Structure formats: structure tokens, C-alpha cells
Amino acid sequence: MPTFVCADDIPYEEQDVRENEAWRGRIQRLVLKDLDARRIPYTVVQGSVEERARQVRRVLDQAD
């Protein structure tokens, strides 16, 4: 099963339940570092929702 990680390139929107944009970047780096440490292959998807969906579909189609 492929692992996908969403890039943090979507504009940040402040919300009460979120820390801040810097925290988002830190968490992103920690997730990628953890996946690398565990040698779990992953694909980072980025861009608009439509672009991300196309990227996911491409990976899934190649896995078949």
C-alpha cells in the first residue's frame, strides 16, 4: 500500500485548533524524517486538490 504525504504548500489559514504556520512546517519535517528512519517509501503530493488527486492516481495506477 503506497504512503502519501501532503506537502504544506496550501496557504495556511489561522484557526483556533491550529498552532501556527511554523509549527506546521516543523511537523511536516518530523513526519518525513520518521518515514525515512523507518525506511517507509512515500510520495509527497503537492499543488491544488485536483493536482494532488492526479498525482495519487498516477502512483496507484503504476502500482497495479
PDB file of N, CA and C in Angstrom:
ATOM      1  N   MET A   1       0.851  -1.181   0.000  1.00  0.00           N
ATOM      2  CA  MET A   1       0.000   0.000   0.000  1.00  0.00           C
ATOM      3  C   MET A   1       0.891   1.236   0.000  1.00  0.00           C
ATOM      4  N   PRO A   2       0.718   2.126  -0.970  1.00  0.00           N
ATOM      5  CA  PRO A   2       1.524   3.355  -1.022  1.00  0.00           C
ATOM      6  C   PRO A   2       1.206   4.285   0.152  1.00  0.00           C
ATOM      7  N   THR A   3       2.206   5.036   0.535  1.00  0.00           N
ATOM      8  CA  THR A   3       2.051   6.051   1.570  1.00  0.00           C
ATOM      9  C   THR A   3       2.151   7.410   0.910  1.00  0.00           C
ATOM     10  N   PHE A   4       1.206   8.279   1.197  1.00  0.00           N
ATOM     11  CA  PHE A   4       1.183   9.625   0.638  1.00  0.00           C
ATOM     12  C   PHE A   4       1.296  10.637   1.758  1.00  0.00           C
ATOM     13  N   VAL A   5       2.048  11.684   1.496  1.00  0.00           N
ATOM     14  CA  VAL A   5       2.199  12.787   2.438  1.00  0.00           C
ATOM     15  C   VAL A   5       1.827  14.063   1.697  1.00  0.00           C
ATOM     16  N   CYS A   6       0.920  14.818   2.259  1.00  0.00           N
ATOM     17  CA  CYS A   6       0.547  16.091   1.645  1.00  0.00           C
ATOM     18  C   CYS A   6       1.608  17.138   1.953  1.00  0.00           C
ATOM     19  N   ALA A   7       2.065  17.820   0.913  1.00  0.00           N
ATOM     20  CA  ALA A   7       3.005  18.924   1.098  1.00  0.00           C
ATOM     21  C   ALA A   7       2.303  20.049   1.847  1.00  0.00           C
ATOM     22  N   ASP A   8       3.090  20.895   2.451  1.00  0.00           N
ATOM     23  CA  ASP A   8       2.494  22.017   3.190  1.00  0.00           C
ATOM     24  C   ASP A   8       2.477  23.281   2.339  1.00  0.00           C
ATOM     25  N   ASP A   9       2.178  23.107   1.042  1.00  0.00           N
ATOM     26  CA  ASP A   9       2.179  24.238   0.121  1.00  0.00           C
ATOM     27  C   ASP A   9       0.818  24.900  -0.045  1.00  0.00           C
ATOM     28  N   ILE A  10      -0.206  24.397   0.611  1.00  0.00           N
ATOM     29  CA  ILE A  10      -1.515  25.046   0.574  1.00  0.00           C
ATOM     30  C   ILE A  10      -1.455  26.218   1.557  1.00  0.00           C
ATOM     31  N   PRO A  11      -1.970  27.369   1.171  1.00  0.00           N
ATOM     32  CA  PRO A  11      -1.897  28.528   2.066  1.00  0.00           C
ATOM     33  C   PRO A  11      -2.431  28.204   3.466  1.00  0.00           C
ATOM     34  N   TYR A  12      -1.701  28.655   4.455  1.00  0.00           N
ATOM     35  CA  TYR A  12      -2.066  28.420   5.847  1.00  0.00           C
ATOM     36  C   TYR A  12      -3.219  29.331   6.242  1.00  0.00           C
ATOM     37  N   GLU A  13      -4.212  28.750   6.901  1.00  0.00           N
ATOM     38  CA  GLU A  13      -5.334  29.524   7.422  1.00  0.00           C
ATOM     39  C   GLU A  13      -5.344  29.394   8.940  1.00  0.00           C
ATOM     40  N   GLU A  14      -5.283  30.513   9.607  1.00  0.00           N
ATOM     41  CA  GLU A  14      -5.291  30.529  11.068  1.00  0.00           C
ATOM     42  C   GLU A  14      -6.626  30.003  11.587  1.00  0.00           C
ATOM     43  N   GLN A  15      -6.559  29.084  12.559  1.00  0.00           N
ATOM     44  CA  GLN A  15      -7.737  28.549  13.224  1.00  0.00           C
ATOM     45  C   GLN A  15      -7.398  28.341  14.689  1.00  0.00           C
ATOM     46  N   ASP A  16      -8.413  28.344  15.524  1.00  0.00           N
ATOM     47  CA  ASP A  16      -8.191  28.187  16.960  1.00  0.00           C
ATOM     48  C   ASP A  16      -7.538  26.849  17.308  1.00  0.00           C
ATOM     49  N   VAL A  17      -7.813  25.812  16.531  1.00  0.00           N
ATOM     50  CA  VAL A  17      -7.304  24.478  16.861  1.00  0.00           C
ATOM     51  C   VAL A  17      -5.895  24.225  16.308  1.00  0.00           C
ATOM     52  N   ARG A  18      -5.336  25.171  15.566  1.00  0.00           N
ATOM     53  CA  ARG A  18      -4.001  25.014  14.989  1.00  0.00           C
ATOM     54  C   ARG A  18      -3.004  25.872  15.749  1.00  0.00           C
ATOM     55  N   GLU A  19      -1.770  25.393  15.791  1.00  0.00           N
ATOM     56  CA  GLU A  19      -0.720  26.165  16.454  1.00  0.00           C
ATOM     57  C   GLU A  19      -0.370  27.402  15.628  1.00  0.00           C
ATOM     58  N   ASN A  20       0.433  27.214  14.570  1.00  0.00           N
ATOM     59  CA  ASN A  20       0.797  28.308  13.675  1.00  0.00           C
ATOM     60  C   ASN A  20       1.504  27.722  12.462  1.00  0.00           C
ATOM     61  N   GLU A  21       1.824  28.561  11.506  1.00  0.00           N
ATOM     62  CA  GLU A  21       2.424  28.083  10.262  1.00  0.00           C
ATOM     63  C   GLU A  21       3.806  27.470  10.489  1.00  0.00           C
ATOM     64  N   ALA A  22       4.591  28.033  11.395  1.00  0.00           N
ATOM     65  CA  ALA A  22       5.914  27.486  11.688  1.00  0.00           C
ATOM     66  C   ALA A  22       5.794  26.072  12.256  1.00  0.00           C
ATOM     67  N   TRP A  23       4.808  25.861  13.105  1.00  0.00           N
ATOM     68  CA  TRP A  23       4.586  24.542  13.689  1.00  0.00           C
ATOM     69  C   TRP A  23       4.223  23.538  12.598  1.00  0.00           C
ATOM     70  N   ARG A  24       3.418  23.966  11.630  1.00  0.00           N
ATOM     71  CA  ARG A  24       3.038  23.100  10.524  1.00  0.00           C
ATOM     72  C   ARG A  24       4.280  22.617   9.781  1.00  0.00           C
ATOM     73  N   GLY A  25       5.217  23.513   9.494  1.00  0.00           N
ATOM     74  CA  GLY A  25       6.459  23.141   8.816  1.00  0.00           C
ATOM     75  C   GLY A  25       7.293  22.194   9.645  1.00  0.00           C
ATOM     76  N   ARG A  26       7.329  22.409  10.948  1.00  0.00           N
ATOM     77  CA  ARG A  26       8.106  21.535  11.838  1.00  0.00           C
ATOM     78  C   ARG A  26       7.512  20.128  11.844  1.00  0.00           C
ATOM     79  N   ILE A  27       6.213  20.030  11.961  1.00  0.00           N
ATOM     80  CA  ILE A  27       5.549  18.726  11.954  1.00  0.00           C
ATOM     81  C   ILE A  27       5.790  18.029  10.620  1.00  0.00           C
ATOM     82  N   GLN A  28       5.733  18.767   9.523  1.00  0.00           N
ATOM     83  CA  GLN A  28       5.990  18.198   8.197  1.00  0.00           C
ATOM     84  C   GLN A  28       7.387  17.570   8.153  1.00  0.00           C
ATOM     85  N   ARG A  29       8.376  18.286   8.634  1.00  0.00           N
ATOM     86  CA  ARG A  29       9.749  17.761   8.639  1.00  0.00           C
ATOM     87  C   ARG A  29       9.875  16.522   9.534  1.00  0.00           C
ATOM     88  N   LEU A  30       9.194  16.540  10.681  1.00  0.00           N
ATOM     89  CA  LEU A  30       9.241  15.386  11.581  1.00  0.00           C
ATOM     90  C   LEU A  30       8.605  14.149  10.957  1.00  0.00           C
ATOM     91  N   VAL A  31       7.502  14.327  10.276  1.00  0.00           N
ATOM     92  CA  VAL A  31       6.833  13.198   9.610  1.00  0.00           C
ATOM     93  C   VAL A  31       7.752  12.593   8.560  1.00  0.00           C
ATOM     94  N   LEU A  32       8.350  13.442   7.717  1.00  0.00           N
ATOM     95  CA  LEU A  32       9.237  12.944   6.666  1.00  0.00           C
ATOM     96  C   LEU A  32      10.472  12.267   7.261  1.00  0.00           C
ATOM     97  N   LYS A  33      11.014  12.846   8.318  1.00  0.00           N
ATOM     98  CA  LYS A  33      12.180  12.252   8.979  1.00  0.00           C
ATOM     99  C   LYS A  33      11.828  10.882   9.549  1.00  0.00           C
ATOM    100  N   ASP A  34      10.657  10.756  10.153  1.00  0.00           N
ATOM    101  CA  ASP A  34      10.220   9.485  10.718  1.00  0.00           C
ATOM    102  C   ASP A  34      10.029   8.434   9.626  1.00  0.00           C
ATOM    103  N   LEU A  35       9.397   8.805   8.532  1.00  0.00           N
ATOM    104  CA  LEU A  35       9.211   7.860   7.428  1.00  0.00           C
ATOM    105  C   LEU A  35      10.563   7.406   6.882  1.00  0.00           C
ATOM    106  N   ASP A  36      11.486   8.341   6.725  1.00  0.00           N
ATOM    107  CA  ASP A  36      12.831   7.991   6.253  1.00  0.00           C
ATOM    108  C   ASP A  36      13.523   7.039   7.230  1.00  0.00           C
ATOM    109  N   ALA A  37      13.425   7.330   8.525  1.00  0.00           N
ATOM    110  CA  ALA A  37      14.070   6.497   9.538  1.00  0.00           C
ATOM    111  C   ALA A  37      13.510   5.081   9.533  1.00  0.00           C
ATOM    112  N   ARG A  38      12.229   4.970   9.260  1.00  0.00           N
ATOM    113  CA  ARG A  38      11.583   3.658   9.216  1.00  0.00           C
ATOM    114  C   ARG A  38      11.707   2.995   7.843  1.00  0.00           C
ATOM    115  N   ARG A  39      12.352   3.704   6.925  1.00  0.00           N
ATOM    116  CA  ARG A  39      12.525   3.220   5.544  1.00  0.00           C
ATOM    117  C   ARG A  39      11.181   2.906   4.892  1.00  0.00           C
ATOM    118  N   ILE A  40      10.223   3.771   5.152  1.00  0.00           N
ATOM    119  CA  ILE A  40       8.905   3.639   4.537  1.00  0.00           C
ATOM    120  C   ILE A  40       8.893   4.544   3.308  1.00  0.00           C
ATOM    121  N   PRO A  41       8.755   3.953   2.127  1.00  0.00           N
ATOM    122  CA  PRO A  41       8.696   4.799   0.925  1.00  0.00           C
ATOM    123  C   PRO A  41       7.396   5.613   0.910  1.00  0.00           C
ATOM    124  N   TYR A  42       7.502   6.819   0.412  1.00  0.00           N
ATOM    125  CA  TYR A  42       6.332   7.691   0.380  1.00  0.00           C
ATOM    126  C   TYR A  42       6.404   8.601  -0.836  1.00  0.00           C
ATOM    127  N   THR A  43       5.269   9.150  -1.162  1.00  0.00           N
ATOM    128  CA  THR A  43       5.167  10.138  -2.231  1.00  0.00           C
ATOM    129  C   THR A  43       4.587  11.407  -1.639  1.00  0.00           C
ATOM    130  N   VAL A  44       5.273  12.515  -1.844  1.00  0.00           N
ATOM    131  CA  VAL A  44       4.751  13.810  -1.411  1.00  0.00           C
ATOM    132  C   VAL A  44       3.899  14.359  -2.548  1.00  0.00           C
ATOM    133  N   VAL A  45       2.651  14.663  -2.248  1.00  0.00           N
ATOM    134  CA  VAL A  45       1.761  15.250  -3.258  1.00  0.00           C
ATOM    135  C   VAL A  45       1.620  16.729  -2.952  1.00  0.00           C
ATOM    136  N   GLN A  46       1.566  17.508  -4.019  1.00  0.00           N
ATOM    137  CA  GLN A  46       1.510  18.966  -3.829  1.00  0.00           C
ATOM    138  C   GLN A  46       0.648  19.607  -4.895  1.00  0.00           C
ATOM    139  N   GLY A  47       0.369  20.880  -4.686  1.00  0.00           N
ATOM    140  CA  GLY A  47      -0.446  21.627  -5.627  1.00  0.00           C
ATOM    141  C   GLY A  47      -1.893  21.691  -5.167  1.00  0.00           C
ATOM    142  N   SER A  48      -2.754  21.974  -6.120  1.00  0.00           N
ATOM    143  CA  SER A  48      -4.189  22.073  -5.816  1.00  0.00           C
ATOM    144  C   SER A  48      -4.738  20.690  -5.482  1.00  0.00           C
ATOM    145  N   VAL A  49      -5.948  20.652  -4.988  1.00  0.00           N
ATOM    146  CA  VAL A  49      -6.581  19.378  -4.663  1.00  0.00           C
ATOM    147  C   VAL A  49      -6.640  18.500  -5.916  1.00  0.00           C
ATOM    148  N   GLU A  50      -6.979  19.097  -7.044  1.00  0.00           N
ATOM    149  CA  GLU A  50      -7.062  18.345  -8.294  1.00  0.00           C
ATOM    150  C   GLU A  50      -5.693  17.790  -8.696  1.00  0.00           C
ATOM    151  N   GLU A  51      -4.648  18.600  -8.553  1.00  0.00           N
ATOM    152  CA  GLU A  51      -3.297  18.146  -8.881  1.00  0.00           C
ATOM    153  C   GLU A  51      -2.863  17.011  -7.958  1.00  0.00           C
ATOM    154  N   ARG A  52      -3.195  17.134  -6.703  1.00  0.00           N
ATOM    155  CA  ARG A  52      -2.853  16.088  -5.736  1.00  0.00           C
ATOM    156  C   ARG A  52      -3.568  14.785  -6.087  1.00  0.00           C
ATOM    157  N   ALA A  53      -4.838  14.900  -6.444  1.00  0.00           N
ATOM    158  CA  ALA A  53      -5.605  13.705  -6.814  1.00  0.00           C
ATOM    159  C   ALA A  53      -4.986  13.031  -8.036  1.00  0.00           C
ATOM    160  N   ARG A  54      -4.552  13.811  -9.013  1.00  0.00           N
ATOM    161  CA  ARG A  54      -3.912  13.235 -10.201  1.00  0.00           C
ATOM    162  C   ARG A  54      -2.609  12.531  -9.832  1.00  0.00           C
ATOM    163  N   GLN A  55      -1.836  13.135  -8.938  1.00  0.00           N
ATOM    164  CA  GLN A  55      -0.578  12.522  -8.508  1.00  0.00           C
ATOM    165  C   GLN A  55      -0.836  11.187  -7.804  1.00  0.00           C
ATOM    166  N   VAL A  56      -1.821  11.156  -6.944  1.00  0.00           N
ATOM    167  CA  VAL A  56      -2.169   9.923  -6.234  1.00  0.00           C
ATOM    168  C   VAL A  56      -2.622   8.863  -7.236  1.00  0.00           C
ATOM    169  N   ARG A  57      -3.485   9.248  -8.153  1.00  0.00           N
ATOM    170  CA  ARG A  57      -3.994   8.310  -9.156  1.00  0.00           C
ATOM    171  C   ARG A  57      -2.850   7.727  -9.978  1.00  0.00           C
ATOM    172  N   ARG A  58      -1.893   8.566 -10.370  1.00  0.00           N
ATOM    173  CA  ARG A  58      -0.741   8.105 -11.150  1.00  0.00           C
ATOM    174  C   ARG A  58       0.039   7.028 -10.397  1.00  0.00           C
ATOM    175  N   VAL A  59       0.300   7.285  -9.120  1.00  0.00           N
ATOM    176  CA  VAL A  59       1.045   6.315  -8.302  1.00  0.00           C
ATOM    177  C   VAL A  59       0.245   5.021  -8.162  1.00  0.00           C
ATOM    178  N   LEU A  60      -1.048   5.140  -7.887  1.00  0.00           N
ATOM    179  CA  LEU A  60      -1.868   3.949  -7.731  1.00  0.00           C
ATOM    180  C   LEU A  60      -1.966   3.148  -9.017  1.00  0.00           C
ATOM    181  N   ASP A  61      -2.071   3.843 -10.143  1.00  0.00           N
ATOM    182  CA  ASP A  61      -2.123   3.155 -11.442  1.00  0.00           C
ATOM    183  C   ASP A  61      -0.825   2.411 -11.727  1.00  0.00           C
ATOM    184  N   GLN A  62       0.297   2.991 -11.337  1.00  0.00           N
ATOM    185  CA  GLN A  62       1.597   2.346 -11.545  1.00  0.00           C
ATOM    186  C   GLN A  62       1.761   1.135 -10.626  1.00  0.00           C
ATOM    187  N   ALA A  63       1.087   1.140  -9.494  1.00  0.00           N
ATOM    188  CA  ALA A  63       1.209   0.043  -8.535  1.00  0.00           C
ATOM    189  C   ALA A  63       0.447  -1.186  -9.002  1.00  0.00           C
ATOM    190  N   ASP A  64      -0.506  -1.004  -9.883  1.00  0.00           N
ATOM    191  CA  ASP A  64      -1.311  -2.148 -10.374  1.00  0.00           C
ATOM    192  C   ASP A  64      -0.543  -3.035 -11.312  1.00  0.00           C
TER     193      ASP A  64
END
